[in-house]
Amino acid sequence: MQFEVVAKCHTTRARVSKMRLAHGTTMLPTFMPVATQAAIKGLTPQQVEALGINLILNNTYHLNLRPGIQVLKEAGGAHKFQGWSHNLLTDSGGFQLVSLSKFTKITEEGALFASPFDGKPTMLTPEESISIQHAIGADIIMQLDDVVSSLTVGPRVEEAMWRTIRWLDRCIEFHQKSGRDDVQNLFAIVQGGLNPDLRDKCLDEMIARRDRVAGYAIGGLSGGEEKDVFWRVIKQCADKLPEDRPRYSMGIGFAEDLLVCVALGVDMADCVFPTRTARFGVALTPTGPLNLRLSKHAIDFRPIEEGCPCPTCANGVSRAILHHNATLETATAHAITQHNLVFQARIMGGARDAIINGTFPDYLKSFFAKYFGDAGYPAWCVNALRSVGVDLLEDRPDVKVISGDGAKWEYSDTA
């Protein structure tokens, strides 16, 4: 990996970087769509490429179960298997320790899974996780971490944090011995729950290993914790992580979350949100999510978003036809998925342009004003951005500030 910071925001911690990997250069900050089973649901690799996306995520746990490592090896790796010629990141399987916890037992050796398909037991050790990721051939690979729910408290959080550090050492040793560390780049994952002291300890340990890892992820969040706690953990980690390594916040997908994280110094994020929500008939727009299942769209012949360059909007596909087929026809899910991925890419592309042009604080103010309108700004967003010198209320002092996560959704035709 070659990593170069090319511009910094003069106010916030945001930055623009070039990350050169074996399958090309990805500009950061960026959002990574999730192709869990070696496919972004409903889209071909050629369609994804045509959207301007050049970094996606595959899931190690699921690809190990199906199609299995032998098939991937015979195919020549996941790039060839799925017909993807650009950059690829794989998670380690650690998240499944939470999402499939009823099938999992954690020991110092690793995680013992019962397959959700046939119940067959599988031991995933740090070494095995790296070995699987070697077979997948991803450009960025993640250490196996001991993940607990972000709402977990007590000694289990510290136990998981220290085990994650020990597992990192095992991942590093196996990866370096394999001779793959010149083409596949290992990222460490910072754990510690919502406890600032544990996060600091983990950061210190991870940073002490900086010469043996290519980048860092912030893990263990987006599990239902309060957003006012979420952003403080992100800031704590981003402030302390090395300047010369990419910073990846795992599981972040809401537009407001992405831009706050960028302002706090995050370079990369991933989430199933834009693709999953598309399959439920929800399109993402600069004025908030658009629930196309609602009857008010039945005779609305406008595109999802005027001026959007995605194939759905550019070809004039109307809200009316999307409403007519939402959640019924797969073609509609595909059309909304393409739009949502372009929306995410445009948010991050706009952020990159604004950082380079020295206008990122104005970009943030403009985005939040349009996205939330008169509904009010989430207090956590206001607090987070103030911590890096941007006051959303500076030019709009009368806007309401609302508690809670502030997520904006259309639930009814009158919303």
Protein backbone atom coordinates (compact mmCIF):
# COMPACT_ATOMS: atom_id res chain seq x y z
CA MET A 1 0.00 0.00 0.00
CA GLN A 2 1.04 3.55 -0.74
CA PHE A 3 -0.85 6.07 1.35
CA GLU A 4 -0.53 9.81 0.77
CA VAL A 5 -2.45 12.67 2.38
CA VAL A 6 -2.97 15.26 -0.36
CA ALA A 7 -5.15 17.86 1.40
CA LYS A 8 -6.38 18.77 4.87
CA CYS A 9 -9.33 20.83 6.04
CA HIS A 10 -8.16 24.06 7.66
CA THR A 11 -10.82 23.77 10.38
CA THR A 12 -11.82 20.16 11.00
CA ARG A 13 -9.81 16.92 11.06
CA ALA A 14 -11.03 15.97 7.58
CA ARG A 15 -8.48 15.09 4.92
CA VAL A 16 -8.19 13.79 1.36
CA SER A 17 -5.80 10.93 0.67
CA LYS A 18 -4.68 8.62 -2.10
CA MET A 19 -4.57 4.93 -1.23
CA ARG A 20 -2.74 2.92 -3.88
CA LEU A 21 -3.40 -0.81 -3.75
CA ALA A 22 -2.69 -3.74 -6.06
CA HIS A 23 -5.91 -3.18 -8.00
CA GLY A 24 -5.74 0.57 -8.36
CA THR A 25 -5.94 3.87 -6.51
CA THR A 26 -8.86 4.76 -4.26
CA MET A 27 -9.37 8.35 -3.19
CA LEU A 28 -10.32 8.88 0.44
CA PRO A 29 -12.59 9.60 2.21
CA THR A 30 -14.80 6.96 0.63
CA PHE A 31 -17.79 4.78 1.33
CA MET A 32 -17.47 1.04 0.63
CA PRO A 33 -20.58 -0.85 -0.49
CA VAL A 34 -20.94 -4.29 1.06
CA ALA A 35 -20.88 -7.33 -1.23
CA THR A 36 -21.35 -9.92 1.51
CA GLN A 37 -21.56 -13.01 -0.70
CA ALA A 38 -19.18 -11.67 -3.40
CA ALA A 39 -22.03 -9.69 -4.95
CA ILE A 40 -23.78 -6.41 -4.26
CA LYS A 41 -27.36 -7.64 -4.21
CA GLY A 42 -29.06 -7.04 -7.54
CA LEU A 43 -26.12 -5.53 -9.40
CA THR A 44 -23.48 -6.98 -11.69
CA PRO A 45 -19.82 -6.03 -11.16
CA GLN A 46 -20.01 -4.08 -14.41
CA GLN A 47 -22.94 -2.04 -13.10
CA VAL A 48 -21.09 -1.30 -9.85
CA GLU A 49 -17.99 -0.26 -11.79
CA ALA A 50 -20.08 2.01 -14.02
CA LEU A 51 -21.26 3.87 -10.90
CA GLY A 52 -17.64 4.96 -10.30
CA ILE A 53 -17.09 2.67 -7.31
CA ASN A 54 -13.64 1.08 -7.00
CA LEU A 55 -13.54 -0.36 -3.48
CA ILE A 56 -16.05 -2.87 -2.12
CA LEU A 57 -16.23 -5.23 0.86
CA ASN A 58 -16.60 -9.04 0.95
CA ASN A 59 -17.43 -11.09 4.03
CA THR A 60 -14.80 -13.63 5.10
CA TYR A 61 -17.11 -15.67 7.32
CA HIS A 62 -19.74 -16.19 4.66
CA LEU A 63 -17.33 -16.87 1.78
CA ASN A 64 -15.58 -19.47 3.92
CA LEU A 65 -18.90 -21.27 4.40
CA ARG A 66 -20.06 -20.83 0.83
CA PRO A 67 -18.58 -21.36 -1.77
CA GLY A 68 -15.63 -22.35 0.41
CA ILE A 69 -11.93 -21.68 0.18
CA GLN A 70 -11.15 -24.50 -2.26
CA VAL A 71 -13.50 -23.01 -4.85
CA LEU A 72 -11.99 -19.55 -4.37
CA LYS A 73 -8.48 -20.91 -4.75
CA GLU A 74 -9.41 -22.74 -7.94
CA ALA A 75 -11.04 -19.57 -9.26
CA GLY A 76 -7.86 -17.60 -8.60
CA GLY A 77 -9.27 -15.53 -5.74
CA ALA A 78 -12.41 -13.51 -5.11
CA HIS A 79 -11.59 -10.84 -7.70
CA LYS A 80 -11.79 -13.38 -10.53
CA PHE A 81 -14.58 -15.36 -8.88
CA GLN A 82 -16.91 -12.34 -8.82
CA GLY A 83 -15.55 -10.57 -11.90
CA TRP A 84 -14.33 -7.54 -9.95
CA SER A 85 -11.10 -5.92 -11.14
CA HIS A 86 -10.87 -3.12 -8.59
CA ASN A 87 -9.96 -2.90 -4.92
CA LEU A 88 -11.45 -5.26 -2.38
CA LEU A 89 -11.53 -5.31 1.43
CA THR A 90 -12.50 -8.34 3.51
CA ASP A 91 -13.64 -8.29 7.10
CA SER A 92 -12.24 -11.00 9.33
CA GLY A 93 -15.41 -12.71 10.52
CA GLY A 94 -15.22 -10.94 13.87
CA PHE A 95 -18.54 -9.14 13.46
CA GLN A 96 -20.29 -12.50 13.23
CA LEU A 97 -19.28 -13.07 16.85
CA VAL A 98 -22.04 -10.57 17.63
CA SER A 99 -24.51 -11.05 14.78
CA LEU A 100 -24.48 -14.86 15.09
CA SER A 101 -23.68 -15.03 18.81
CA LYS A 102 -26.17 -17.83 19.46
CA PHE A 103 -24.04 -20.01 17.16
CA THR A 104 -20.67 -18.98 18.65
CA LYS A 105 -18.40 -19.88 21.55
CA ILE A 106 -15.30 -17.75 22.19
CA THR A 107 -12.05 -19.21 23.53
CA GLU A 108 -8.48 -17.97 23.51
CA GLU A 109 -7.82 -20.24 20.53
CA GLY A 110 -10.55 -18.62 18.45
CA ALA A 111 -14.28 -18.60 17.77
CA LEU A 112 -16.16 -21.88 17.46
CA PHE A 113 -19.07 -21.40 15.07
CA ALA A 114 -21.98 -23.64 14.27
CA SER A 115 -22.82 -23.04 10.63
CA PRO A 116 -26.23 -21.34 10.29
CA PHE A 117 -26.73 -23.46 7.15
CA ASP A 118 -26.15 -27.00 8.40
CA GLY A 119 -25.00 -26.70 12.03
CA LYS A 120 -21.50 -27.95 11.20
CA PRO A 121 -18.94 -26.67 13.75
CA THR A 122 -16.10 -24.47 12.45
CA MET A 123 -13.22 -23.06 14.48
CA LEU A 124 -12.14 -19.63 13.26
CA THR A 125 -8.75 -18.76 14.72
CA PRO A 126 -6.77 -15.59 13.96
CA GLU A 127 -4.48 -17.64 11.74
CA GLU A 128 -7.39 -19.29 9.93
CA SER A 129 -9.07 -15.94 9.37
CA ILE A 130 -5.93 -14.59 7.72
CA SER A 131 -5.51 -17.80 5.72
CA ILE A 132 -9.05 -17.49 4.39
CA GLN A 133 -8.45 -13.84 3.49
CA HIS A 134 -5.26 -14.87 1.69
CA ALA A 135 -7.32 -17.29 -0.41
CA ILE A 136 -9.88 -14.57 -1.09
CA GLY A 137 -7.03 -12.31 -2.19
CA ALA A 138 -8.42 -9.02 -0.88
CA ASP A 139 -6.26 -5.92 -1.12
CA ILE A 140 -7.09 -5.00 2.49
CA ILE A 141 -7.58 -7.69 5.10
CA MET A 142 -8.73 -7.29 8.68
CA GLN A 143 -7.42 -8.88 11.83
CA LEU A 144 -9.76 -11.24 13.67
CA ASP A 145 -11.07 -9.35 16.68
CA ASP A 146 -13.13 -10.39 19.68
CA VAL A 147 -16.25 -8.32 19.12
CA VAL A 148 -18.89 -7.70 21.76
CA SER A 149 -22.05 -5.68 21.39
CA SER A 150 -21.50 -1.96 21.90
CA LEU A 151 -24.11 -2.11 24.67
CA THR A 152 -22.11 -4.67 26.66
CA VAL A 153 -20.67 -3.48 29.98
CA GLY A 154 -18.52 -5.07 32.65
CA PRO A 155 -15.42 -7.28 32.50
CA ARG A 156 -16.33 -8.91 29.17
CA VAL A 157 -15.48 -5.64 27.36
CA GLU A 158 -11.94 -5.50 28.76
CA GLU A 159 -11.46 -9.22 28.18
CA ALA A 160 -12.43 -8.78 24.52
CA MET A 161 -10.16 -5.76 24.13
CA TRP A 162 -7.04 -7.57 25.41
CA ARG A 163 -7.88 -10.68 23.41
CA THR A 164 -8.20 -8.55 20.28
CA ILE A 165 -4.66 -7.28 20.89
CA ARG A 166 -3.32 -10.80 21.38
CA TRP A 167 -5.15 -11.98 18.28
CA LEU A 168 -3.64 -9.08 16.33
CA ASP A 169 -0.16 -10.34 17.18
CA ARG A 170 -1.10 -13.80 15.92
CA CYS A 171 -2.56 -12.31 12.73
CA ILE A 172 0.59 -10.26 12.14
CA GLU A 173 2.90 -13.23 12.66
CA PHE A 174 0.92 -15.51 10.34
CA HIS A 175 0.55 -12.81 7.68
CA GLN A 176 4.25 -11.92 7.66
CA LYS A 177 5.33 -15.56 7.51
CA SER A 178 3.03 -16.12 4.52
CA GLY A 179 4.93 -13.67 2.35
CA ARG A 180 1.66 -11.98 1.36
CA ASP A 181 2.23 -8.75 3.26
CA ASP A 182 3.59 -7.00 0.15
CA VAL A 183 0.30 -7.40 -1.76
CA GLN A 184 -2.33 -7.74 0.98
CA ASN A 185 -2.53 -5.05 3.63
CA LEU A 186 -3.45 -5.95 7.20
CA PHE A 187 -5.52 -3.52 9.28
CA ALA A 188 -5.76 -3.59 13.08
CA ILE A 189 -9.13 -3.02 14.78
CA VAL A 190 -9.41 -0.80 17.85
CA GLN A 191 -11.81 -2.18 20.46
CA GLY A 192 -12.71 -1.22 24.03
CA GLY A 193 -16.44 -0.67 23.90
CA LEU A 194 -17.74 2.69 25.07
CA ASN A 195 -15.13 2.94 27.84
CA PRO A 196 -12.64 5.76 27.10
CA ASP A 197 -9.93 4.22 29.31
CA LEU A 198 -10.15 0.87 27.53
CA ARG A 199 -10.15 2.59 24.15
CA ASP A 200 -6.99 4.47 25.14
CA LYS A 201 -5.26 1.30 26.27
CA CYS A 202 -6.18 -0.45 23.04
CA LEU A 203 -5.05 2.53 20.97
CA ASP A 204 -1.67 2.55 22.70
CA GLU A 205 -1.18 -1.16 22.03
CA MET A 206 -2.30 -0.92 18.42
CA ILE A 207 -0.15 2.12 17.70
CA ALA A 208 2.87 0.34 19.20
CA ARG A 209 2.46 -2.15 16.31
CA ARG A 210 2.16 0.52 13.60
CA ASP A 211 5.20 -0.73 11.67
CA ARG A 212 3.49 -4.08 11.16
CA VAL A 213 0.03 -2.92 10.08
CA ALA A 214 -1.03 -0.89 7.06
CA GLY A 215 -4.03 0.84 8.62
CA TYR A 216 -6.50 0.98 11.48
CA ALA A 217 -10.21 0.37 11.91
CA ILE A 218 -12.46 1.62 14.70
CA GLY A 219 -14.62 -1.34 15.65
CA GLY A 220 -17.31 -2.23 18.15
CA LEU A 221 -19.71 0.62 17.35
CA SER A 222 -23.00 1.06 15.47
CA GLY A 223 -24.65 -1.46 17.73
CA GLY A 224 -27.38 0.69 19.21
CA GLU A 225 -25.31 2.97 21.43
CA GLU A 226 -26.34 6.61 21.86
CA LYS A 227 -25.02 8.78 19.06
CA ASP A 228 -23.63 11.31 21.51
CA VAL A 229 -21.40 8.51 22.84
CA PHE A 230 -20.67 7.13 19.36
CA TRP A 231 -19.10 10.32 18.03
CA ARG A 232 -16.94 10.80 21.11
CA VAL A 233 -15.43 7.33 20.67
CA ILE A 234 -14.80 8.04 16.98
CA LYS A 235 -13.11 11.33 17.83
CA GLN A 236 -11.00 9.79 20.59
CA CYS A 237 -9.71 7.13 18.21
CA ALA A 238 -9.25 9.36 15.15
CA ASP A 239 -7.38 11.97 17.19
CA LYS A 240 -4.85 9.43 18.41
CA LEU A 241 -4.35 7.17 15.39
CA PRO A 242 -1.27 7.82 13.23
CA GLU A 243 -1.49 10.45 10.49
CA ASP A 244 0.26 8.21 7.98
CA ARG A 245 -2.25 5.37 8.09
CA PRO A 246 -5.83 5.19 6.77
CA ARG A 247 -8.61 5.21 9.38
CA TYR A 248 -11.67 3.06 8.81
CA SER A 249 -14.89 3.36 10.83
CA MET A 250 -16.74 0.06 10.55
CA GLY A 251 -20.49 -0.17 9.96
CA ILE A 252 -21.25 3.51 9.23
CA GLY A 253 -23.77 4.33 6.50
CA PHE A 254 -26.23 7.13 7.34
CA ALA A 255 -25.39 10.35 5.49
CA GLU A 256 -25.08 12.45 8.65
CA ASP A 257 -22.90 9.79 10.28
CA LEU A 258 -20.57 9.69 7.29
CA LEU A 259 -19.99 13.43 7.19
CA VAL A 260 -19.52 13.74 10.95
CA CYS A 261 -16.99 10.90 10.85
CA VAL A 262 -15.13 12.53 7.94
CA ALA A 263 -14.98 15.79 9.90
CA LEU A 264 -13.55 13.89 12.87
CA GLY A 265 -10.78 12.40 10.71
CA VAL A 266 -12.17 9.12 9.36
CA ASP A 267 -11.15 8.05 5.83
CA MET A 268 -13.24 4.94 5.11
CA ALA A 269 -16.64 3.54 6.06
CA ASP A 270 -18.88 0.64 5.08
CA CYS A 271 -22.45 -0.42 5.71
CA VAL A 272 -25.26 -2.50 4.20
CA PHE A 273 -27.62 0.44 4.77
CA PRO A 274 -27.86 1.95 1.25
CA THR A 275 -28.40 -1.41 -0.47
CA ARG A 276 -30.64 -2.96 2.18
CA THR A 277 -32.84 0.10 2.46
CA ALA A 278 -33.21 0.14 -1.34
CA ARG A 279 -34.78 -3.30 -1.22
CA PHE A 280 -37.43 -1.86 1.12
CA GLY A 281 -38.26 0.87 -1.38
CA VAL A 282 -36.36 3.71 0.31
CA ALA A 283 -34.25 6.05 -1.81
CA LEU A 284 -31.60 8.32 -0.30
CA THR A 285 -31.71 11.99 -1.30
CA PRO A 286 -30.12 15.31 -0.26
CA THR A 287 -33.37 16.21 1.53
CA GLY A 288 -33.58 12.91 3.42
CA PRO A 289 -34.71 9.34 2.73
CA LEU A 290 -37.65 9.00 0.33
CA ASN A 291 -40.06 6.17 1.16
CA LEU A 292 -41.32 5.25 -2.30
CA ARG A 293 -43.88 2.81 -0.88
CA LEU A 294 -46.03 5.74 0.28
CA SER A 295 -49.09 6.49 -1.85
CA LYS A 296 -48.15 10.14 -2.29
CA HIS A 297 -45.62 9.01 -4.89
CA ALA A 298 -48.21 7.13 -6.99
CA ILE A 299 -48.66 9.96 -9.52
CA ASP A 300 -45.29 11.68 -9.05
CA PHE A 301 -43.52 11.45 -12.40
CA ARG A 302 -40.32 13.14 -11.31
CA PRO A 303 -37.11 11.13 -10.91
CA ILE A 304 -35.89 10.34 -7.41
CA GLU A 305 -33.57 13.34 -7.58
CA GLU A 306 -33.34 15.97 -10.30
CA GLY A 307 -29.79 16.23 -11.64
CA CYS A 308 -28.59 12.97 -10.10
CA PRO A 309 -26.21 11.20 -12.53
CA CYS A 310 -27.20 7.66 -11.50
CA PRO A 311 -28.71 5.51 -14.29
CA THR A 312 -32.11 5.48 -12.58
CA CYS A 313 -32.47 9.25 -12.43
CA ALA A 314 -30.56 10.02 -15.63
CA ASN A 315 -32.90 7.74 -17.60
CA GLY A 316 -35.97 9.43 -16.16
CA VAL A 317 -37.32 6.51 -14.13
CA SER A 318 -40.19 8.08 -12.20
CA ARG A 319 -41.10 7.89 -8.57
CA ALA A 320 -44.51 6.66 -9.74
CA ILE A 321 -43.21 3.49 -11.40
CA LEU A 322 -40.84 2.85 -8.50
CA HIS A 323 -43.80 3.20 -6.11
CA HIS A 324 -45.87 0.86 -8.29
CA ASN A 325 -43.28 -1.91 -8.05
CA ALA A 326 -41.53 -1.14 -4.75
CA THR A 327 -40.79 -4.36 -2.79
CA LEU A 328 -42.65 -6.36 -5.48
CA GLU A 329 -40.33 -6.40 -8.50
CA THR A 330 -36.60 -6.98 -8.25
CA ALA A 331 -36.00 -4.44 -11.04
CA THR A 332 -37.17 -1.69 -8.69
CA ALA A 333 -34.77 -2.80 -5.96
CA HIS A 334 -31.95 -2.75 -8.53
CA ALA A 335 -32.89 0.74 -9.72
CA ILE A 336 -33.03 2.18 -6.20
CA THR A 337 -29.81 0.38 -5.23
CA GLN A 338 -27.95 2.06 -8.08
CA HIS A 339 -29.29 5.44 -7.01
CA ASN A 340 -28.43 4.92 -3.34
CA LEU A 341 -24.85 3.86 -4.07
CA VAL A 342 -24.36 6.92 -6.25
CA PHE A 343 -25.84 9.08 -3.50
CA GLN A 344 -23.28 7.74 -1.01
CA ALA A 345 -20.47 8.23 -3.52
CA ARG A 346 -21.56 11.81 -4.23
CA ILE A 347 -21.62 12.67 -0.52
CA MET A 348 -18.04 11.51 -0.14
CA GLY A 349 -16.92 12.94 -3.46
CA GLY A 350 -18.42 16.28 -2.50
CA ALA A 351 -16.56 16.11 0.80
CA ARG A 352 -13.27 15.42 -1.01
CA ASP A 353 -13.80 18.34 -3.37
CA ALA A 354 -14.70 20.68 -0.53
CA ILE A 355 -11.66 19.68 1.52
CA ILE A 356 -9.37 20.30 -1.45
CA ASN A 357 -11.06 23.65 -2.18
CA GLY A 358 -10.92 24.76 1.46
CA THR A 359 -14.72 24.91 1.78
CA PHE A 360 -15.50 21.81 3.83
CA PRO A 361 -17.11 23.68 6.78
CA ASP A 362 -19.46 25.40 4.30
CA TYR A 363 -20.17 22.03 2.66
CA LEU A 364 -21.20 20.61 6.03
CA LYS A 365 -23.47 23.57 6.80
CA SER A 366 -25.09 23.39 3.37
CA PHE A 367 -25.64 19.64 3.55
CA PHE A 368 -27.20 19.65 7.02
CA ALA A 369 -29.43 22.64 6.18
CA LYS A 370 -30.83 20.88 3.11
CA TYR A 371 -30.97 17.39 4.59
CA PHE A 372 -32.77 18.24 7.83
CA GLY A 373 -34.51 21.44 6.70
CA ASP A 374 -36.76 22.84 9.40
CA ALA A 375 -37.12 19.49 11.20
CA GLY A 376 -34.18 20.38 13.41
CA TYR A 377 -30.57 19.28 13.71
CA PRO A 378 -29.67 16.25 15.82
CA ALA A 379 -27.92 17.52 18.95
CA TRP A 380 -25.19 14.92 18.60
CA CYS A 381 -24.28 16.23 15.13
CA VAL A 382 -24.16 19.79 16.43
CA ASN A 383 -21.95 18.76 19.36
CA ALA A 384 -19.64 16.59 17.25
CA LEU A 385 -19.03 19.25 14.62
CA ARG A 386 -18.53 21.97 17.22
CA SER A 387 -15.74 19.82 18.65
CA VAL A 388 -13.82 20.35 15.39
CA GLY A 389 -14.66 24.02 14.91
CA VAL A 390 -17.86 23.93 12.82
CA ASP A 391 -21.03 25.48 14.27
CA LEU A 392 -24.10 24.38 12.31
CA LEU A 393 -26.16 27.03 14.10
CA GLU A 394 -23.86 29.91 13.23
CA ASP A 395 -25.93 30.99 10.21
CA ARG A 396 -29.21 29.39 11.37
CA PRO A 397 -29.53 30.24 15.07
CA ASP A 398 -33.28 29.61 15.10
CA VAL A 399 -33.11 26.00 13.92
CA LYS A 400 -34.31 23.48 16.46
CA VAL A 401 -31.81 21.12 18.05
CA ILE A 402 -33.39 17.76 18.75
CA SER A 403 -32.33 14.95 21.06
CA GLY A 404 -31.87 11.34 20.04
CA ASP A 405 -30.18 9.99 16.96
CA GLY A 406 -32.08 12.40 14.71
CA ALA A 407 -32.49 9.88 11.89
CA LYS A 408 -34.93 11.27 9.33
CA TRP A 409 -37.54 8.87 7.90
CA GLU A 410 -40.84 9.10 6.04
CA TYR A 411 -43.34 6.93 7.88
CA SER A 412 -46.58 8.20 6.37
CA ASP A 413 -47.92 10.25 3.48
CA THR A 414 -48.15 13.28 5.76
CA ALA A 415 -44.54 12.98 6.98
